[in-house]
Amino acid sequence: MTITTETPIEAPRTASPADVTPDSPAAALVGMFQEVTGELEPLFEAMEWAEEEIEAARQRHQETARGPIWHSFSLMTPTLDRLKNERLYRIHVRELLERVDTGRDTRPATDAEMMIGLLESSLQAPLTSAATCLYLRIFARALPAEFHKTAGTALELASYESVHGPQADEHEGWLRRQLTQAWRAPEV
């Protein structure tokens, strides 16, 4: 017994790149996917950098079990847009991890956050001499090799500190408090 049909059965047709025209629904979906991917990519990069820094800190501090450093991932959320820069973000994360390891408060601003705050301020108006001293101090503390390679040969930070240090200390305390992240407390 043979069964015949008059119309052949065709496999479902899938969309090809030629079907995606600028005004097609497929183009809208592709655009939305690209937009979401573009938004999420920096977050995934930051997550990867944070995981690398957490692992390095665990090794540095010989944390073998799931201790405070291992549990600190939620503290590593970038707080400022410029923390998408890998170098600044890693400085930020390392400082937070050192605070976690030593039991210090993780809520006050990190050196990276303060550098960004001073940079943003300098784009609005020139920094005062004391604020410049603070910026140089933080730069030297956060990136010592780069500081000495660039600014360190042209100026003596100790001279700047002798004149503007006390006022820079006040600025540093104020800036740390202003940029404090109340949510950034380790899980207990």
N, C-alpha and C. Protein backbone atom coordinates (compact mmCIF):
# COMPACT_ATOMS: atom_id res chain seq x y z
N MET A 1 0.84 -1.16 0.00
CA MET A 1 0.00 0.00 0.00
C MET A 1 0.89 1.23 0.00
N THR A 2 0.65 2.15 -0.90
CA THR A 2 1.43 3.37 -1.05
C THR A 2 0.54 4.57 -0.80
N ILE A 3 1.05 5.48 0.02
CA ILE A 3 0.30 6.71 0.29
C ILE A 3 1.01 7.84 -0.45
N THR A 4 0.26 8.59 -1.18
CA THR A 4 0.84 9.73 -1.88
C THR A 4 0.10 10.98 -1.47
N THR A 5 0.81 12.06 -1.46
CA THR A 5 0.18 13.36 -1.18
C THR A 5 0.40 14.24 -2.38
N GLU A 6 -0.52 15.13 -2.54
CA GLU A 6 -0.41 16.01 -3.70
C GLU A 6 0.57 17.15 -3.48
N THR A 7 0.73 17.63 -2.24
CA THR A 7 1.68 18.71 -1.98
C THR A 7 2.80 18.18 -1.11
N PRO A 8 4.01 18.43 -1.52
CA PRO A 8 5.13 17.94 -0.71
C PRO A 8 5.22 18.69 0.62
N ILE A 9 5.69 18.00 1.64
CA ILE A 9 5.87 18.64 2.95
C ILE A 9 7.25 19.29 2.96
N GLU A 10 7.25 20.60 3.29
CA GLU A 10 8.51 21.34 3.32
C GLU A 10 8.96 21.55 4.76
N ALA A 11 10.25 21.53 4.95
CA ALA A 11 10.81 21.83 6.27
C ALA A 11 10.58 23.31 6.56
N PRO A 12 10.39 23.64 7.84
CA PRO A 12 10.21 25.05 8.17
C PRO A 12 11.42 25.86 7.73
N ARG A 13 11.17 27.03 7.23
CA ARG A 13 12.22 27.89 6.72
C ARG A 13 12.71 28.78 7.86
N THR A 14 14.02 28.87 8.04
CA THR A 14 14.59 29.76 9.05
C THR A 14 15.01 31.06 8.38
N ALA A 15 15.07 32.11 9.18
CA ALA A 15 15.45 33.42 8.64
C ALA A 15 16.92 33.41 8.27
N SER A 16 17.22 34.06 7.20
CA SER A 16 18.61 34.21 6.79
C SER A 16 18.99 35.67 6.92
N PRO A 17 20.28 35.99 6.88
CA PRO A 17 20.68 37.40 6.98
C PRO A 17 20.03 38.27 5.92
N ALA A 18 19.68 37.69 4.77
CA ALA A 18 19.03 38.48 3.73
C ALA A 18 17.63 38.90 4.14
N ASP A 19 17.00 38.14 5.08
CA ASP A 19 15.65 38.47 5.54
C ASP A 19 15.64 39.62 6.53
N VAL A 20 16.79 39.94 7.12
CA VAL A 20 16.86 40.99 8.14
C VAL A 20 17.07 42.33 7.45
N THR A 21 15.97 42.99 7.22
CA THR A 21 16.02 44.32 6.64
C THR A 21 15.90 45.33 7.76
N PRO A 22 16.31 46.58 7.53
CA PRO A 22 16.30 47.56 8.63
C PRO A 22 14.96 47.73 9.33
N ASP A 23 13.86 47.48 8.65
CA ASP A 23 12.55 47.69 9.27
C ASP A 23 11.85 46.39 9.64
N SER A 24 12.56 45.27 9.58
CA SER A 24 11.93 43.98 9.89
C SER A 24 11.93 43.74 11.40
N PRO A 25 11.02 42.88 11.86
CA PRO A 25 11.02 42.52 13.29
C PRO A 25 12.33 41.88 13.72
N ALA A 26 12.94 41.11 12.83
CA ALA A 26 14.22 40.48 13.17
C ALA A 26 15.30 41.53 13.43
N ALA A 27 15.28 42.60 12.64
CA ALA A 27 16.26 43.67 12.85
C ALA A 27 16.05 44.33 14.20
N ALA A 28 14.81 44.49 14.60
CA ALA A 28 14.53 45.09 15.91
C ALA A 28 15.07 44.19 17.03
N LEU A 29 14.89 42.88 16.88
CA LEU A 29 15.40 41.95 17.89
C LEU A 29 16.92 41.95 17.93
N VAL A 30 17.55 41.97 16.75
CA VAL A 30 19.01 42.02 16.69
C VAL A 30 19.51 43.29 17.37
N GLY A 31 18.85 44.42 17.10
CA GLY A 31 19.24 45.70 17.72
C GLY A 31 19.11 45.67 19.23
N MET A 32 17.99 45.10 19.72
CA MET A 32 17.80 45.01 21.17
C MET A 32 18.86 44.11 21.80
N PHE A 33 19.17 42.99 21.15
CA PHE A 33 20.18 42.08 21.67
C PHE A 33 21.55 42.77 21.73
N GLN A 34 21.90 43.50 20.68
CA GLN A 34 23.18 44.20 20.67
C GLN A 34 23.23 45.27 21.75
N GLU A 35 22.12 45.96 21.98
CA GLU A 35 22.08 47.01 23.01
C GLU A 35 22.26 46.39 24.40
N VAL A 36 21.54 45.31 24.67
CA VAL A 36 21.65 44.65 25.97
C VAL A 36 23.06 44.10 26.17
N THR A 37 23.60 43.48 25.13
CA THR A 37 24.96 42.94 25.21
C THR A 37 25.96 44.06 25.48
N GLY A 38 25.80 45.19 24.81
CA GLY A 38 26.69 46.32 25.02
C GLY A 38 26.63 46.86 26.44
N GLU A 39 25.43 46.83 27.04
CA GLU A 39 25.26 47.29 28.41
C GLU A 39 25.86 46.31 29.41
N LEU A 40 25.73 45.03 29.15
CA LEU A 40 26.17 44.01 30.10
C LEU A 40 27.65 43.68 30.01
N GLU A 41 28.25 43.89 28.85
CA GLU A 41 29.65 43.51 28.66
C GLU A 41 30.59 44.12 29.70
N PRO A 42 30.50 45.44 29.97
CA PRO A 42 31.39 46.00 31.01
C PRO A 42 31.15 45.39 32.39
N LEU A 43 29.91 45.03 32.70
CA LEU A 43 29.63 44.41 33.99
C LEU A 43 30.27 43.03 34.09
N PHE A 44 30.17 42.26 33.01
CA PHE A 44 30.80 40.94 33.02
C PHE A 44 32.32 41.05 33.10
N GLU A 45 32.90 42.06 32.44
CA GLU A 45 34.34 42.28 32.56
C GLU A 45 34.71 42.59 33.99
N ALA A 46 33.95 43.49 34.63
CA ALA A 46 34.23 43.86 36.02
C ALA A 46 34.09 42.66 36.94
N MET A 47 33.10 41.81 36.68
CA MET A 47 32.94 40.60 37.49
C MET A 47 34.16 39.69 37.36
N GLU A 48 34.65 39.56 36.15
CA GLU A 48 35.84 38.72 35.92
C GLU A 48 37.05 39.30 36.65
N TRP A 49 37.24 40.62 36.54
CA TRP A 49 38.37 41.26 37.23
C TRP A 49 38.25 41.08 38.74
N ALA A 50 37.03 41.25 39.27
CA ALA A 50 36.82 41.09 40.71
C ALA A 50 37.15 39.67 41.15
N GLU A 51 36.69 38.69 40.38
CA GLU A 51 36.99 37.30 40.73
C GLU A 51 38.49 37.03 40.72
N GLU A 52 39.20 37.59 39.74
CA GLU A 52 40.66 37.41 39.70
C GLU A 52 41.32 38.04 40.92
N GLU A 53 40.88 39.24 41.28
CA GLU A 53 41.48 39.93 42.44
C GLU A 53 41.14 39.22 43.75
N ILE A 54 39.93 38.69 43.85
CA ILE A 54 39.55 37.95 45.05
C ILE A 54 40.41 36.70 45.19
N GLU A 55 40.60 35.99 44.10
CA GLU A 55 41.44 34.79 44.14
C GLU A 55 42.88 35.14 44.51
N ALA A 56 43.40 36.23 43.94
CA ALA A 56 44.77 36.65 44.26
C ALA A 56 44.87 37.04 45.74
N ALA A 57 43.87 37.72 46.27
CA ALA A 57 43.88 38.12 47.68
C ALA A 57 43.78 36.89 48.59
N ARG A 58 42.99 35.93 48.19
CA ARG A 58 42.88 34.70 48.99
C ARG A 58 44.23 34.00 49.06
N GLN A 59 44.95 33.98 47.96
CA GLN A 59 46.28 33.37 47.96
C GLN A 59 47.26 34.19 48.78
N ARG A 60 47.21 35.52 48.59
CA ARG A 60 48.13 36.41 49.30
C ARG A 60 47.94 36.31 50.81
N HIS A 61 46.69 36.17 51.25
CA HIS A 61 46.39 36.13 52.68
C HIS A 61 46.16 34.71 53.18
N GLN A 62 46.47 33.74 52.32
CA GLN A 62 46.38 32.32 52.67
C GLN A 62 45.01 31.93 53.22
N GLU A 63 43.97 32.43 52.56
CA GLU A 63 42.60 32.07 52.94
C GLU A 63 42.23 30.81 52.16
N THR A 64 42.10 29.68 52.86
CA THR A 64 41.83 28.42 52.19
C THR A 64 40.35 28.06 52.20
N ALA A 65 39.66 28.39 53.26
CA ALA A 65 38.23 28.09 53.35
C ALA A 65 37.42 29.27 52.79
N ARG A 66 36.15 29.13 52.85
CA ARG A 66 35.27 30.22 52.37
C ARG A 66 35.16 31.28 53.46
N GLY A 67 36.21 32.09 53.55
CA GLY A 67 36.29 33.12 54.58
C GLY A 67 35.78 34.46 54.09
N PRO A 68 36.14 35.52 54.80
CA PRO A 68 35.61 36.85 54.49
C PRO A 68 36.01 37.35 53.09
N ILE A 69 37.19 37.03 52.63
CA ILE A 69 37.59 37.48 51.29
C ILE A 69 36.74 36.77 50.24
N TRP A 70 36.56 35.48 50.40
CA TRP A 70 35.75 34.71 49.46
C TRP A 70 34.32 35.25 49.40
N HIS A 71 33.80 35.70 50.54
CA HIS A 71 32.43 36.21 50.62
C HIS A 71 32.29 37.68 50.21
N SER A 72 33.36 38.32 49.80
CA SER A 72 33.33 39.77 49.58
C SER A 72 32.91 40.21 48.18
N PHE A 73 32.54 39.30 47.31
CA PHE A 73 32.23 39.65 45.91
C PHE A 73 31.18 40.75 45.82
N SER A 74 30.17 40.72 46.66
CA SER A 74 29.09 41.72 46.57
C SER A 74 29.57 43.14 46.88
N LEU A 75 30.72 43.26 47.53
CA LEU A 75 31.26 44.60 47.83
C LEU A 75 31.95 45.24 46.63
N MET A 76 32.19 44.47 45.59
CA MET A 76 33.02 44.92 44.47
C MET A 76 32.23 45.62 43.36
N THR A 77 30.98 45.94 43.60
CA THR A 77 30.17 46.63 42.60
C THR A 77 30.79 47.98 42.27
N PRO A 78 31.03 48.26 40.97
CA PRO A 78 31.57 49.58 40.61
C PRO A 78 30.59 50.69 41.02
N THR A 79 31.09 51.70 41.69
CA THR A 79 30.23 52.76 42.20
C THR A 79 30.21 53.99 41.30
N LEU A 80 31.22 54.16 40.50
CA LEU A 80 31.32 55.33 39.62
C LEU A 80 31.57 54.86 38.20
N ASP A 81 31.08 55.61 37.23
CA ASP A 81 31.19 55.22 35.83
C ASP A 81 32.64 55.00 35.41
N ARG A 82 33.54 55.83 35.90
CA ARG A 82 34.94 55.70 35.50
C ARG A 82 35.62 54.46 36.08
N LEU A 83 34.95 53.77 37.00
CA LEU A 83 35.51 52.53 37.52
C LEU A 83 35.39 51.40 36.50
N LYS A 84 34.87 51.69 35.32
CA LYS A 84 34.86 50.70 34.25
C LYS A 84 36.27 50.55 33.67
N ASN A 85 37.15 51.46 34.02
CA ASN A 85 38.55 51.36 33.62
C ASN A 85 39.19 50.25 34.44
N GLU A 86 39.77 49.27 33.77
CA GLU A 86 40.31 48.10 34.46
C GLU A 86 41.33 48.46 35.52
N ARG A 87 42.22 49.35 35.21
CA ARG A 87 43.29 49.71 36.15
C ARG A 87 42.73 50.30 37.43
N LEU A 88 41.83 51.30 37.29
CA LEU A 88 41.23 51.92 38.47
C LEU A 88 40.36 50.93 39.23
N TYR A 89 39.61 50.12 38.50
CA TYR A 89 38.74 49.16 39.16
C TYR A 89 39.55 48.16 40.00
N ARG A 90 40.66 47.67 39.44
CA ARG A 90 41.48 46.72 40.19
C ARG A 90 42.09 47.37 41.45
N ILE A 91 42.49 48.64 41.35
CA ILE A 91 43.00 49.36 42.53
C ILE A 91 41.90 49.44 43.59
N HIS A 92 40.70 49.77 43.15
CA HIS A 92 39.53 49.88 44.02
C HIS A 92 39.27 48.54 44.73
N VAL A 93 39.24 47.46 43.96
CA VAL A 93 38.96 46.14 44.50
C VAL A 93 40.05 45.69 45.47
N ARG A 94 41.30 45.91 45.11
CA ARG A 94 42.41 45.50 46.00
C ARG A 94 42.32 46.20 47.35
N GLU A 95 41.99 47.49 47.32
CA GLU A 95 41.87 48.22 48.59
C GLU A 95 40.73 47.66 49.42
N LEU A 96 39.60 47.40 48.79
CA LEU A 96 38.48 46.83 49.54
C LEU A 96 38.84 45.46 50.11
N LEU A 97 39.54 44.65 49.34
CA LEU A 97 39.93 43.31 49.82
C LEU A 97 40.90 43.41 50.99
N GLU A 98 41.81 44.38 50.96
CA GLU A 98 42.72 44.58 52.10
C GLU A 98 41.93 44.99 53.34
N ARG A 99 40.93 45.83 53.15
CA ARG A 99 40.09 46.22 54.29
C ARG A 99 39.34 45.02 54.84
N VAL A 100 38.80 44.19 53.96
CA VAL A 100 38.09 42.99 54.40
C VAL A 100 39.03 42.11 55.21
N ASP A 101 40.24 41.89 54.70
CA ASP A 101 41.19 41.01 55.37
C ASP A 101 41.57 41.52 56.75
N THR A 102 41.70 42.84 56.88
CA THR A 102 42.13 43.40 58.17
C THR A 102 40.96 43.81 59.07
N GLY A 103 39.73 43.58 58.59
CA GLY A 103 38.56 43.90 59.40
C GLY A 103 38.21 45.37 59.44
N ARG A 104 38.76 46.16 58.51
CA ARG A 104 38.46 47.59 58.50
C ARG A 104 37.15 47.85 57.75
N ASP A 105 36.59 49.02 57.98
CA ASP A 105 35.32 49.43 57.37
C ASP A 105 35.48 49.54 55.85
N THR A 106 34.58 48.90 55.12
CA THR A 106 34.64 48.93 53.66
C THR A 106 33.76 50.01 53.05
N ARG A 107 33.02 50.73 53.86
CA ARG A 107 32.09 51.74 53.32
C ARG A 107 32.76 53.04 52.87
N PRO A 108 33.76 53.57 53.57
CA PRO A 108 34.37 54.82 53.09
C PRO A 108 34.98 54.67 51.70
N ALA A 109 35.09 55.78 51.01
CA ALA A 109 35.62 55.78 49.64
C ALA A 109 37.01 55.18 49.57
N THR A 110 37.28 54.51 48.47
CA THR A 110 38.61 53.97 48.21
C THR A 110 39.45 55.06 47.53
N ASP A 111 40.74 54.80 47.44
CA ASP A 111 41.62 55.75 46.73
C ASP A 111 41.16 55.95 45.29
N ALA A 112 40.75 54.87 44.63
CA ALA A 112 40.30 54.98 43.24
C ALA A 112 39.06 55.87 43.15
N GLU A 113 38.12 55.70 44.07
CA GLU A 113 36.92 56.54 44.06
C GLU A 113 37.27 58.01 44.30
N MET A 114 38.23 58.25 45.21
CA MET A 114 38.63 59.64 45.47
C MET A 114 39.37 60.24 44.28
N MET A 115 40.22 59.44 43.61
CA MET A 115 40.90 59.95 42.41
C MET A 115 39.88 60.36 41.36
N ILE A 116 38.85 59.56 41.18
CA ILE A 116 37.82 59.88 40.20
C ILE A 116 37.07 61.13 40.63
N GLY A 117 36.76 61.24 41.92
CA GLY A 117 36.08 62.44 42.41
C GLY A 117 36.90 63.70 42.17
N LEU A 118 38.19 63.62 42.43
CA LEU A 118 39.07 64.77 42.18
C LEU A 118 39.20 65.06 40.69
N LEU A 119 39.27 64.02 39.88
CA LEU A 119 39.33 64.21 38.44
C LEU A 119 38.07 64.90 37.94
N GLU A 120 36.92 64.43 38.38
CA GLU A 120 35.65 65.05 37.97
C GLU A 120 35.60 66.51 38.41
N SER A 121 36.07 66.80 39.61
CA SER A 121 36.10 68.19 40.09
C SER A 121 37.02 69.05 39.24
N SER A 122 38.17 68.48 38.86
CA SER A 122 39.14 69.26 38.07
C SER A 122 38.61 69.59 36.67
N LEU A 123 37.64 68.82 36.21
CA LEU A 123 37.03 69.11 34.90
C LEU A 123 36.04 70.27 34.99
N GLN A 124 35.60 70.57 36.22
CA GLN A 124 34.67 71.68 36.43
C GLN A 124 35.40 72.99 36.76
N ALA A 125 36.46 72.87 37.51
CA ALA A 125 37.24 74.05 37.92
C ALA A 125 38.63 73.57 38.35
N PRO A 126 39.63 74.45 38.29
CA PRO A 126 40.98 74.04 38.73
C PRO A 126 40.98 73.63 40.20
N LEU A 127 41.78 72.63 40.53
CA LEU A 127 41.90 72.19 41.91
C LEU A 127 42.72 73.20 42.69
N THR A 128 42.39 73.35 43.97
CA THR A 128 43.21 74.19 44.84
C THR A 128 44.54 73.49 45.06
N SER A 129 45.48 74.19 45.63
CA SER A 129 46.79 73.59 45.91
C SER A 129 46.67 72.41 46.86
N ALA A 130 45.81 72.53 47.88
CA ALA A 130 45.63 71.43 48.83
C ALA A 130 44.95 70.24 48.16
N ALA A 131 43.99 70.50 47.28
CA ALA A 131 43.33 69.40 46.55
C ALA A 131 44.31 68.74 45.58
N THR A 132 45.18 69.52 44.97
CA THR A 132 46.22 68.96 44.09
C THR A 132 47.17 68.10 44.91
N CYS A 133 47.53 68.57 46.09
CA CYS A 133 48.39 67.78 46.98
C CYS A 133 47.72 66.45 47.30
N LEU A 134 46.42 66.48 47.60
CA LEU A 134 45.69 65.25 47.89
C LEU A 134 45.68 64.33 46.68
N TYR A 135 45.45 64.88 45.50
CA TYR A 135 45.43 64.06 44.28
C TYR A 135 46.79 63.39 44.08
N LEU A 136 47.86 64.16 44.25
CA LEU A 136 49.21 63.61 44.08
C LEU A 136 49.50 62.54 45.14
N ARG A 137 49.04 62.77 46.36
CA ARG A 137 49.23 61.81 47.45
C ARG A 137 48.54 60.48 47.12
N ILE A 138 47.30 60.59 46.67
CA ILE A 138 46.55 59.38 46.35
C ILE A 138 47.16 58.68 45.14
N PHE A 139 47.56 59.45 44.16
CA PHE A 139 48.20 58.90 42.96
C PHE A 139 49.46 58.13 43.36
N ALA A 140 50.27 58.72 44.23
CA ALA A 140 51.52 58.08 44.68
C ALA A 140 51.23 56.81 45.48
N ARG A 141 50.16 56.83 46.25
CA ARG A 141 49.80 55.67 47.08
C ARG A 141 49.19 54.55 46.23
N ALA A 142 48.34 54.91 45.27
CA ALA A 142 47.62 53.91 44.48
C ALA A 142 48.46 53.36 43.32
N LEU A 143 49.27 54.21 42.73
CA LEU A 143 50.08 53.81 41.57
C LEU A 143 51.51 54.29 41.76
N PRO A 144 52.24 53.75 42.72
CA PRO A 144 53.57 54.28 43.04
C PRO A 144 54.55 54.26 41.88
N ALA A 145 54.59 53.19 41.12
CA ALA A 145 55.55 53.12 40.00
C ALA A 145 55.24 54.19 38.95
N GLU A 146 53.96 54.33 38.61
CA GLU A 146 53.56 55.32 37.61
C GLU A 146 53.79 56.74 38.11
N PHE A 147 53.54 56.95 39.41
CA PHE A 147 53.75 58.28 39.97
C PHE A 147 55.21 58.69 39.86
N HIS A 148 56.10 57.81 40.27
CA HIS A 148 57.52 58.15 40.24
C HIS A 148 58.06 58.26 38.82
N LYS A 149 57.46 57.51 37.90
CA LYS A 149 57.88 57.58 36.50
C LYS A 149 57.43 58.88 35.84
N THR A 150 56.29 59.41 36.24
CA THR A 150 55.75 60.63 35.61
C THR A 150 55.96 61.84 36.49
N ALA A 151 55.14 61.99 37.50
CA ALA A 151 55.18 63.20 38.33
C ALA A 151 56.33 63.20 39.32
N GLY A 152 56.74 62.03 39.77
CA GLY A 152 57.76 61.94 40.81
C GLY A 152 59.09 62.54 40.45
N THR A 153 59.43 62.56 39.18
CA THR A 153 60.71 63.14 38.78
C THR A 153 60.63 64.66 38.67
N ALA A 154 59.43 65.18 38.42
CA ALA A 154 59.28 66.62 38.22
C ALA A 154 59.00 67.37 39.52
N LEU A 155 58.48 66.70 40.53
CA LEU A 155 58.18 67.39 41.78
C LEU A 155 58.47 66.49 42.96
N GLU A 156 58.66 67.07 44.07
CA GLU A 156 58.92 66.35 45.30
C GLU A 156 57.65 66.40 46.14
N LEU A 157 56.97 65.26 46.26
CA LEU A 157 55.70 65.21 46.99
C LEU A 157 55.88 65.66 48.44
N ALA A 158 57.01 65.35 49.04
CA ALA A 158 57.25 65.75 50.43
C ALA A 158 57.20 67.27 50.58
N SER A 159 57.69 68.00 49.59
CA SER A 159 57.63 69.47 49.64
C SER A 159 56.19 69.94 49.56
N TYR A 160 55.41 69.34 48.69
CA TYR A 160 53.99 69.67 48.58
C TYR A 160 53.28 69.38 49.89
N GLU A 161 53.60 68.21 50.48
CA GLU A 161 52.99 67.81 51.75
C GLU A 161 53.35 68.77 52.88
N SER A 162 54.59 69.27 52.89
CA SER A 162 54.99 70.17 53.98
C SER A 162 54.21 71.47 53.96
N VAL A 163 53.81 71.91 52.79
CA VAL A 163 53.06 73.17 52.68
C VAL A 163 51.55 72.93 52.76
N HIS A 164 51.05 71.92 52.05
CA HIS A 164 49.60 71.74 51.91
C HIS A 164 49.06 70.48 52.60
N GLY A 165 49.93 69.71 53.23
CA GLY A 165 49.53 68.43 53.82
C GLY A 165 48.39 68.50 54.81
N PRO A 166 48.43 69.42 55.81
CA PRO A 166 47.34 69.44 56.79
C PRO A 166 45.97 69.72 56.14
N GLN A 167 45.94 70.64 55.19
CA GLN A 167 44.66 70.92 54.53
C GLN A 167 44.26 69.75 53.61
N ALA A 168 45.25 69.09 53.01
CA ALA A 168 44.96 67.90 52.19
C ALA A 168 44.39 66.79 53.07
N ASP A 169 44.88 66.68 54.31
CA ASP A 169 44.33 65.69 55.25
C ASP A 169 42.85 65.95 55.49
N GLU A 170 42.51 67.22 55.69
CA GLU A 170 41.10 67.58 55.89
C GLU A 170 40.27 67.24 54.66
N HIS A 171 40.79 67.57 53.49
CA HIS A 171 40.09 67.25 52.24
C HIS A 171 39.89 65.75 52.09
N GLU A 172 40.93 64.98 52.44
CA GLU A 172 40.84 63.53 52.30
C GLU A 172 39.74 62.96 53.19
N GLY A 173 39.69 63.40 54.44
CA GLY A 173 38.63 62.94 55.35
C GLY A 173 37.25 63.30 54.84
N TRP A 174 37.12 64.55 54.38
CA TRP A 174 35.83 65.01 53.86
C TRP A 174 35.42 64.21 52.63
N LEU A 175 36.36 64.00 51.70
CA LEU A 175 36.05 63.30 50.46
C LEU A 175 35.70 61.83 50.73
N ARG A 176 36.42 61.20 51.64
CA ARG A 176 36.09 59.80 51.99
C ARG A 176 34.67 59.71 52.53
N ARG A 177 34.29 60.68 53.37
CA ARG A 177 32.93 60.67 53.92
C ARG A 177 31.89 60.96 52.84
N GLN A 178 32.18 61.93 51.97
CA GLN A 178 31.23 62.29 50.91
C GLN A 178 30.96 61.13 49.95
N LEU A 179 31.99 60.36 49.68
CA LEU A 179 31.86 59.26 48.72
C LEU A 179 31.61 57.91 49.40
N THR A 180 31.28 57.94 50.69
CA THR A 180 30.99 56.70 51.44
C THR A 180 29.82 55.98 50.77
N GLN A 181 29.93 54.67 50.73
CA GLN A 181 28.88 53.81 50.18
C GLN A 181 28.28 53.03 51.36
N ALA A 182 27.14 53.51 51.88
CA ALA A 182 26.53 52.89 53.06
C ALA A 182 26.19 51.42 52.85
N TRP A 183 25.87 51.03 51.65
CA TRP A 183 25.48 49.65 51.35
C TRP A 183 26.67 48.69 51.38
N ARG A 184 27.88 49.23 51.31
CA ARG A 184 29.07 48.40 51.12
C ARG A 184 29.62 47.89 52.44
N ALA A 185 28.84 47.10 53.11
CA ALA A 185 29.29 46.49 54.37
C ALA A 185 29.36 44.97 54.16
N PRO A 186 30.41 44.34 54.66
CA PRO A 186 30.54 42.89 54.45
C PRO A 186 29.39 42.13 55.13
N GLU A 187 29.06 40.99 54.53
CA GLU A 187 28.05 40.11 55.14
C GLU A 187 28.66 39.50 56.38
N VAL A 188 27.87 39.44 57.41
CA VAL A 188 28.37 38.90 58.68
C VAL A 188 27.93 37.46 58.85
